[in-house]
Protein backbone atom coordinates (compact mmCIF):
# COMPACT_ATOMS: atom_id res chain seq x y z
CA UNK A 1 104.86 89.67 60.04
CA UNK A 2 101.50 90.55 61.55
CA UNK A 3 98.31 90.11 59.58
CA UNK A 4 96.39 93.28 58.75
CA UNK A 5 92.77 93.65 57.62
CA UNK A 6 91.70 96.93 56.06
CA UNK A 7 88.32 98.49 56.58
CA UNK A 8 86.86 97.41 53.17
CA UNK A 9 87.73 93.81 53.99
CA UNK A 10 86.06 94.15 57.35
CA UNK A 11 82.89 95.38 55.69
CA UNK A 12 82.95 92.50 53.22
CA UNK A 13 83.69 89.74 55.72
CA UNK A 14 81.42 90.73 58.59
CA UNK A 15 79.15 93.77 58.74
CA UNK A 16 78.36 93.21 62.43
CA UNK A 17 81.64 94.62 63.77
CA UNK A 18 79.99 97.91 64.77
CA UNK A 19 77.13 96.07 66.50
CA UNK A 20 79.61 94.00 68.50
CA UNK A 21 81.51 97.10 69.59
CA UNK A 22 78.26 98.80 70.63
CA UNK A 23 77.24 95.76 72.67
CA UNK A 24 80.71 95.58 74.23
CA UNK A 25 80.48 99.26 75.22
CA UNK A 26 77.05 98.61 76.72
CA UNK A 27 78.60 95.82 78.80
CA UNK A 28 81.25 98.22 80.09
CA UNK A 29 78.57 100.77 80.98
CA UNK A 30 76.57 98.16 82.92
CA UNK A 31 79.74 97.16 84.77
CA UNK A 32 80.14 100.73 86.07
CA UNK A 33 82.40 102.41 83.49
CA UNK A 34 81.67 105.86 82.05
CA UNK A 35 81.23 105.08 78.36
CA UNK A 36 79.00 107.46 76.40
CA UNK A 37 77.65 107.40 72.85
CA UNK A 38 80.44 109.68 71.62
CA UNK A 39 83.09 107.28 72.92
CA UNK A 40 81.37 104.35 71.20
CA UNK A 41 81.31 106.23 67.89
CA UNK A 42 85.00 107.10 68.24
CA UNK A 43 85.82 103.47 69.04
CA UNK A 44 84.12 102.21 65.87
CA UNK A 45 85.90 104.80 63.74
CA UNK A 46 89.25 103.99 65.38
CA UNK A 47 88.89 100.26 64.69
CA UNK A 48 87.87 100.88 61.07
CA UNK A 49 90.82 103.23 60.61
CA UNK A 50 93.43 101.01 62.30
CA UNK A 51 92.12 97.66 61.18
CA UNK A 52 92.59 94.38 63.03
CA UNK A 53 96.20 93.24 62.90
CA UNK A 54 96.24 91.14 66.05
CA UNK A 55 94.34 90.66 69.27
CA UNK A 56 96.65 93.09 71.10
CA UNK A 57 96.15 95.77 68.44
CA UNK A 58 92.38 95.48 68.71
CA UNK A 59 92.60 95.50 72.52
CA UNK A 60 94.66 98.69 72.75
CA UNK A 61 92.64 100.43 70.04
CA UNK A 62 89.47 100.05 72.09
CA UNK A 63 91.32 100.72 75.36
CA UNK A 64 92.75 104.03 74.15
CA UNK A 65 89.29 105.33 73.27
CA UNK A 66 86.98 103.84 75.90
CA UNK A 67 89.16 104.05 79.03
CA UNK A 68 89.93 107.45 80.55
CA UNK A 69 90.62 106.48 84.19
CA UNK A 70 93.35 104.19 85.50
CA UNK A 71 91.08 102.40 87.97
CA UNK A 72 88.85 101.18 85.10
CA UNK A 73 91.67 99.19 83.48
CA UNK A 74 90.94 95.98 85.43
CA UNK A 75 87.26 95.98 84.54
CA UNK A 76 87.98 96.67 80.87
CA UNK A 77 90.59 93.89 80.73
CA UNK A 78 88.21 91.31 82.18
CA UNK A 79 85.29 92.46 80.00
CA UNK A 80 87.44 92.26 76.87
CA UNK A 81 88.61 88.77 77.76
CA UNK A 82 85.13 87.43 78.50
CA UNK A 83 83.33 89.09 75.61
CA UNK A 84 85.72 88.59 72.72
CA UNK A 85 86.90 85.17 73.86
CA UNK A 86 83.39 83.79 74.21
CA UNK A 87 82.32 85.05 70.80
CA UNK A 88 85.72 84.33 69.14
CA UNK A 89 85.17 87.27 66.84
CA UNK A 90 88.82 88.26 66.49
CA UNK A 91 89.94 84.72 65.81
CA UNK A 92 87.38 84.36 63.00
CA UNK A 93 88.60 87.57 61.40
CA UNK A 94 92.23 86.46 61.59
CA UNK A 95 91.39 82.98 60.27
CA UNK A 96 90.01 84.48 57.07
CA UNK A 97 93.39 85.87 56.01
CA UNK A 98 95.90 83.60 57.82
CA UNK A 99 96.24 79.80 57.75
CA UNK A 100 96.65 79.49 61.53
CA UNK A 101 94.68 81.51 64.04
CA UNK A 102 96.48 82.59 67.24
CA UNK A 103 95.87 80.35 70.21
CA UNK A 104 94.43 81.69 73.44
CA UNK A 105 95.85 80.95 76.85
CA UNK A 106 93.57 80.18 79.74
CA UNK A 107 93.70 82.89 82.34
CA UNK A 108 92.93 82.65 86.02
CA UNK A 109 89.91 84.26 87.63
CA UNK A 110 90.47 88.01 87.90
CA UNK A 111 89.10 90.74 90.11
CA UNK A 112 86.09 91.99 88.12
CA UNK A 113 85.07 88.68 86.55
CA UNK A 114 81.79 88.25 88.45
CA UNK A 115 80.61 91.82 88.01
CA UNK A 116 81.48 91.93 84.31
CA UNK A 117 79.83 88.57 83.67
CA UNK A 118 76.59 89.75 85.26
CA UNK A 119 76.69 93.00 83.28
CA UNK A 120 77.35 91.14 80.01
CA UNK A 121 74.51 88.63 80.19
CA UNK A 122 71.97 90.75 82.06
CA UNK A 123 68.71 90.83 80.17
CA UNK A 124 70.06 88.74 77.24
CA UNK A 125 69.22 85.22 78.26
CA UNK A 126 66.78 84.77 75.36
CA UNK A 127 63.08 85.04 74.89
CA UNK A 128 62.28 81.56 76.17
CA UNK A 129 60.52 81.52 79.48
CA UNK A 130 61.32 78.91 82.06
CA UNK A 131 58.45 76.86 83.51
CA UNK A 132 57.08 78.28 86.70
CA UNK A 133 56.83 76.10 89.79
CA UNK A 134 54.67 76.95 92.78
CA UNK A 135 55.37 75.58 96.24
CA UNK A 136 54.21 76.23 99.76
CA UNK A 137 57.00 77.92 101.72
CA UNK A 138 55.13 78.74 104.90
CA UNK A 139 57.05 76.18 106.96
CA UNK A 140 60.44 76.60 105.28
CA UNK A 141 63.40 78.80 106.12
CA UNK A 142 64.48 81.43 103.64
CA UNK A 143 67.94 81.04 102.15
CA UNK A 144 68.54 84.72 102.83
CA UNK A 145 67.88 84.22 106.53
CA UNK A 146 70.28 81.29 106.64
CA UNK A 147 72.95 83.33 104.89
CA UNK A 148 72.56 86.25 107.29
CA UNK A 149 72.96 84.06 110.36
CA UNK A 150 75.76 81.82 109.04
CA UNK A 151 79.30 82.29 110.28
CA UNK A 152 81.75 83.75 107.75
CA UNK A 153 84.27 81.05 108.58
CA UNK A 154 81.76 78.30 107.63
CA UNK A 155 80.63 79.79 104.30
CA UNK A 156 81.50 78.28 100.97
CA UNK A 157 83.02 80.28 98.12
CA UNK A 158 79.59 80.90 96.52
CA UNK A 159 78.11 81.95 99.86
CA UNK A 160 80.96 84.39 100.42
CA UNK A 161 80.21 85.98 97.07
CA UNK A 162 76.54 86.36 98.06
CA UNK A 163 77.57 87.80 101.42
CA UNK A 164 79.71 90.44 99.72
CA UNK A 165 76.77 91.41 97.52
CA UNK A 166 74.54 91.65 100.58
CA UNK A 167 77.01 94.04 102.21
CA UNK A 168 76.52 96.49 99.36
CA UNK A 169 72.79 96.56 100.16
CA UNK A 170 73.14 97.21 103.89
CA UNK A 171 71.67 100.41 105.26
CA UNK A 172 74.83 102.30 106.16
CA UNK A 173 74.93 104.26 109.42
CA UNK A 174 73.67 107.83 109.56
CA UNK A 175 75.88 109.13 112.36
CA UNK A 176 76.26 112.79 111.50
CA UNK A 177 77.55 115.19 114.14
CA UNK A 178 77.13 118.96 114.39
CA UNK A 179 80.16 121.16 113.80
CA UNK A 180 80.96 124.75 114.76
CA UNK A 181 80.42 125.98 111.22
CA UNK A 182 77.03 127.10 109.91
CA UNK A 183 75.14 126.67 106.66
CA UNK A 184 72.23 128.53 105.12
CA UNK A 185 68.96 127.02 106.30
CA UNK A 186 65.52 128.61 105.72
CA UNK A 187 64.18 126.63 108.71
CA UNK A 188 67.10 127.44 110.98
CA UNK A 189 66.71 129.08 114.38
CA UNK A 190 69.67 131.47 114.16
CA UNK A 191 69.64 134.78 112.30
CA UNK A 192 72.31 135.07 109.59
CA UNK A 193 73.24 138.80 109.51
CA UNK A 194 75.85 138.44 106.79
CA UNK A 195 73.42 136.77 104.42
CA UNK A 196 70.85 139.48 105.19
CA UNK A 197 73.33 142.26 104.33
CA UNK A 198 74.39 140.55 101.11
CA UNK A 199 70.81 140.08 99.94
CA UNK A 200 69.94 143.71 100.77
CA UNK A 201 72.60 144.95 98.30
CA UNK A 202 70.36 143.86 95.43
CA UNK A 203 67.83 146.54 96.40
CA UNK A 204 70.35 149.14 97.59
CA UNK A 205 69.50 148.49 101.24
CA UNK A 206 65.81 149.37 100.87
CA UNK A 207 64.61 145.82 101.56
CA UNK A 208 66.18 143.62 104.23
CA UNK A 209 64.72 140.15 104.43
CA UNK A 210 65.47 137.77 107.33
CA UNK A 211 67.91 134.96 106.64
CA UNK A 212 68.51 131.98 108.88
CA UNK A 213 71.25 129.45 109.42
CA UNK A 214 71.91 126.21 111.32
CA UNK A 215 74.92 124.17 112.32
CA UNK A 216 76.48 122.03 109.61
CA UNK A 217 76.30 118.27 110.07
CA UNK A 218 79.01 115.95 108.74
CA UNK A 219 80.02 112.33 109.08
CA UNK A 220 82.74 111.96 111.73
CA UNK A 221 85.99 110.28 110.67
CA UNK A 222 85.82 106.50 110.81
CA UNK A 223 89.05 104.64 111.61
CA UNK A 224 89.35 100.86 111.37
CA UNK A 225 92.07 98.84 113.11
CA UNK A 226 91.75 95.23 111.91
CA UNK A 227 93.67 92.19 113.10
CA UNK A 228 95.03 90.00 110.26
CA UNK A 229 96.54 87.20 112.32
CA UNK A 230 95.86 83.58 111.47
CA UNK A 231 92.69 83.37 113.56
CA UNK A 232 91.29 86.68 112.29
CA UNK A 233 92.28 86.83 108.59
CA UNK A 234 88.99 85.34 107.31
CA UNK A 235 86.81 87.79 109.25
CA UNK A 236 89.02 90.77 108.41
CA UNK A 237 88.96 89.97 104.70
CA UNK A 238 85.14 89.94 104.68
CA UNK A 239 84.96 93.11 106.78
CA UNK A 240 87.16 94.94 104.28
CA UNK A 241 84.43 94.42 101.68
CA UNK A 242 82.04 96.13 104.09
CA UNK A 243 84.50 99.02 104.52
CA UNK A 244 84.86 99.29 100.74
CA UNK A 245 81.10 99.80 100.46
CA UNK A 246 81.21 102.39 103.23
CA UNK A 247 84.02 104.31 101.53
CA UNK A 248 81.73 104.91 98.56
CA UNK A 249 79.42 107.05 100.74
CA UNK A 250 81.84 108.57 103.27
CA UNK A 251 84.90 110.68 102.65
CA UNK A 252 87.00 110.39 105.81
CA UNK A 253 87.50 106.67 106.28
CA UNK A 254 90.91 105.29 107.25
CA UNK A 255 91.75 101.59 107.39
CA UNK A 256 94.72 99.99 109.14
CA UNK A 257 95.58 96.31 109.52
CA UNK A 258 98.00 94.83 112.00
CA UNK A 259 99.61 91.51 112.74
CA UNK A 260 103.22 91.85 113.80
CA UNK A 261 103.33 95.36 112.28
CA UNK A 262 100.92 98.17 111.38
CA UNK A 263 100.00 98.77 107.72
CA UNK A 264 97.89 101.57 106.25
CA UNK A 265 95.63 100.22 103.47
CA UNK A 266 93.42 103.28 103.00
CA UNK A 267 94.71 104.10 99.53
CA UNK A 268 94.53 100.60 97.93
CA UNK A 269 91.08 100.08 99.46
CA UNK A 270 89.73 103.04 97.46
CA UNK A 271 89.96 101.21 94.13
CA UNK A 272 86.61 101.19 92.37
CA UNK A 273 86.29 97.42 91.95
CA UNK A 274 85.96 95.68 95.36
CA UNK A 275 87.82 92.52 94.35
CA UNK A 276 90.64 94.55 92.86
CA UNK A 277 90.82 96.66 96.04
CA UNK A 278 91.06 93.62 98.33
CA UNK A 279 93.71 92.09 96.08
CA UNK A 280 95.83 95.26 96.33
CA UNK A 281 95.36 95.33 100.12
CA UNK A 282 96.52 91.75 100.61
CA UNK A 283 99.43 92.33 98.25
CA UNK A 284 100.59 95.42 100.15
CA UNK A 285 100.64 93.65 103.54
CA UNK A 286 103.52 91.30 104.30
CA UNK A 287 102.37 89.75 107.58
CA UNK A 288 98.90 88.57 106.51
CA UNK A 289 97.76 85.42 108.42
CA UNK A 290 100.84 85.58 110.66
CA UNK A 291 101.31 86.33 114.33
CA UNK A 292 99.88 89.22 116.30
CA UNK A 293 101.25 91.90 118.62
CA UNK A 294 98.31 94.02 119.65
CA UNK A 295 100.08 96.18 122.22
CA UNK A 296 103.03 97.11 120.02
CA UNK A 297 100.91 97.90 116.96
CA UNK A 298 98.53 100.08 119.01
CA UNK A 299 101.55 101.89 120.39
CA UNK A 300 102.77 102.57 116.85
CA UNK A 301 99.32 103.84 115.83
CA UNK A 302 99.04 106.14 118.85
CA UNK A 303 102.50 107.53 118.22
CA UNK A 304 102.46 108.08 114.45
CA UNK A 305 98.81 108.19 113.27
CA UNK A 306 96.42 109.20 116.06
CA UNK A 307 96.91 112.96 115.65
CA UNK A 308 96.43 112.68 111.88
CA UNK A 309 93.20 110.68 111.70
CA UNK A 310 91.51 110.94 115.11
CA UNK A 311 90.30 114.51 114.89
CA UNK A 312 86.78 115.98 114.89
CA UNK A 313 85.16 113.26 116.97
CA UNK A 314 86.45 110.18 115.18
CA UNK A 315 84.93 106.73 115.73
CA UNK A 316 87.34 103.78 115.97
CA UNK A 317 86.41 100.20 115.06
CA UNK A 318 88.86 97.73 116.59
CA UNK A 319 88.58 94.23 115.09
CA UNK A 320 90.52 91.60 117.02
CA UNK A 321 90.00 88.60 119.27
CA UNK A 322 92.13 90.19 122.02
CA UNK A 323 94.40 87.16 122.47
CA UNK A 324 97.65 88.93 123.29
CA UNK A 325 100.65 86.66 123.72
CA UNK A 326 102.94 89.01 125.64
CA UNK A 327 102.50 91.19 128.70
CA UNK A 328 99.20 93.03 129.01
CA UNK A 329 100.49 96.06 130.93
CA UNK A 330 101.53 97.91 127.77
CA UNK A 331 98.32 96.87 126.02
CA UNK A 332 96.16 98.39 128.75
CA UNK A 333 98.07 101.68 128.61
CA UNK A 334 97.78 101.94 124.82
CA UNK A 335 94.07 101.10 124.93
CA UNK A 336 93.51 103.84 127.48
CA UNK A 337 95.34 106.34 125.29
CA UNK A 338 93.38 105.26 122.21
CA UNK A 339 90.06 105.60 124.04
CA UNK A 340 90.93 109.14 125.16
CA UNK A 341 91.92 110.17 121.62
CA UNK A 342 88.60 109.28 119.93
CA UNK A 343 84.95 110.03 120.55
CA UNK A 344 83.84 106.41 120.50
CA UNK A 345 85.76 103.11 120.56
CA UNK A 346 83.90 99.99 119.39
CA UNK A 347 85.48 96.57 119.76
CA UNK A 348 84.36 93.89 117.29
CA UNK A 349 85.27 90.40 118.48
CA UNK A 350 84.32 87.20 116.58
CA UNK A 351 84.64 85.18 119.81
CA UNK A 352 81.23 86.53 120.85
CA UNK A 353 79.68 84.03 118.42
CA UNK A 354 80.15 81.34 121.06
CA UNK A 355 77.44 81.00 123.68
CA UNK A 356 78.70 81.37 127.21
CA UNK A 357 81.66 83.53 126.23
CA UNK A 358 83.61 84.84 129.22
CA UNK A 359 86.56 87.26 129.15
CA UNK A 360 89.06 84.93 130.79
CA UNK A 361 92.11 85.88 128.70
CA UNK A 362 94.38 88.57 130.12
CA UNK A 363 94.39 90.60 126.91
CA UNK A 364 90.59 90.74 126.78
CA UNK A 365 90.35 91.79 130.42
CA UNK A 366 92.91 94.53 129.83
CA UNK A 367 91.05 95.95 126.81
CA UNK A 368 87.41 95.77 127.92
CA UNK A 369 87.44 98.61 130.50
CA UNK A 370 88.51 101.13 127.84
CA UNK A 371 86.00 100.44 125.04
CA UNK A 372 82.54 101.98 124.64
CA UNK A 373 80.90 99.04 122.90
CA UNK A 374 81.62 95.32 122.58
CA UNK A 375 80.05 93.51 119.62
CA UNK A 376 80.34 90.44 117.40
CA UNK A 377 81.50 90.51 113.78
CA UNK A 378 81.03 86.94 112.54
CA UNK A 379 78.00 87.18 110.20
CA UNK A 380 75.76 89.57 108.28
CA UNK A 381 73.35 90.01 111.19
CA UNK A 382 76.26 91.27 113.29
CA UNK A 383 77.14 93.82 110.60
CA UNK A 384 73.53 95.03 110.50
CA UNK A 385 73.62 95.46 114.28
CA UNK A 386 76.84 97.42 113.90
CA UNK A 387 75.21 99.80 111.40
CA UNK A 388 72.33 100.40 113.78
CA UNK A 389 74.73 100.94 116.67
CA UNK A 390 76.72 103.52 114.73
CA UNK A 391 73.50 105.41 113.90
CA UNK A 392 72.62 105.98 117.56
CA UNK A 393 74.53 106.94 120.71
CA UNK A 394 75.67 104.14 122.99
CA UNK A 395 73.43 103.30 125.92
CA UNK A 396 73.67 101.37 129.16
CA UNK A 397 72.89 98.10 127.42
CA UNK A 398 76.05 98.55 125.30
CA UNK A 399 78.36 99.00 128.28
CA UNK A 400 81.11 96.36 127.91
CA UNK A 401 81.90 96.42 131.63
CA UNK A 402 78.90 94.18 132.26
CA UNK A 403 80.92 91.35 130.74
CA UNK A 404 83.49 91.74 133.49
CA UNK A 405 80.85 92.00 136.20
CA UNK A 406 78.97 88.93 135.03
CA UNK A 407 82.10 86.83 134.63
CA UNK A 408 83.81 87.90 137.83
CA UNK A 409 81.25 89.18 140.36
CA UNK A 410 82.63 91.31 143.16
CA UNK A 411 82.58 89.61 146.60
CA UNK A 412 80.14 91.03 149.13
CA UNK A 413 81.56 93.01 152.05
CA UNK A 414 79.07 91.44 154.46
CA UNK A 415 79.70 87.82 153.47
């Protein structure tokens, strides 16, 4: 039989229940949930009406009032666990009316733990001020600079968390393109006759004022093809955090991963919480950290997905090391077809982190002639360079064919 506490008993035992619920709702709001004052008031009234019978009853009472979207469930679950477990409020209430309080099981680290923890303790560390220490940092290296230049594969767990936060602060590319459609623009150069006729109806046609228009600018579709083989899984996992941040500002973003097969992870990557989104992506892919078949997966993409997602001047980001195990004849043909289907094809290769890199592998030599840009993707500085490259058109310095010319110079005819 479950223990039940009525609202008068709650008022007699602890009058701070409403304050705790208000602070808990404030934590949810700081973590990104849409919780308003009306929802907080309804939550307090619901708890007072239902009472506290068990931890699950209290959990679902607050959940039914404060949560209105399915994607906020993970954040609410982690916030409830951290807040009410740390303060042990429910256990104290149950201990007042039952001889044995329910035990709590230790749970593993969940998706929104870091973000909820920061939102919970932000600005509530106390009034004590820590002693200030001055030092001369003119001849030292900033930790931020070290983090930006450090390879993703050499980062610790804490450094990876900092790198993911830094990705959210990157200046995302502004690569808008003009379309055939027009929009109203008072500074436009084209006359808009339809707008002029519509505005003249207000005065019965007696007054016709000039109206102008200009071409509408939109972000082109961005398509990501990421390799998740054993040598690329670490870099791809970090890059998906960058794509999650980009999805928050762009509408038409499509993400595919490939190892031995092609998988579309666009839908699970749109979850609000980044850790929850990456967890759903890795769970939906079966061949993570396995082998790789670049030519066959590109053939599947060109056959089933290119006409769906490569319209209106799409930009393709291909993330792979280019180490194809099989024949490269099919790979070269599929790369040529992919390059002709998109407006711009950018190849991101972590092997460029090594000094003196040369495209000796057959797969790399087969892919290079068909890409518009060849860049590294091993640290935060490389991602910043990618954002700048997407914001401007490619130039002669970005031509990847120079890698082939420098590595294998053509023999002179007069030698």
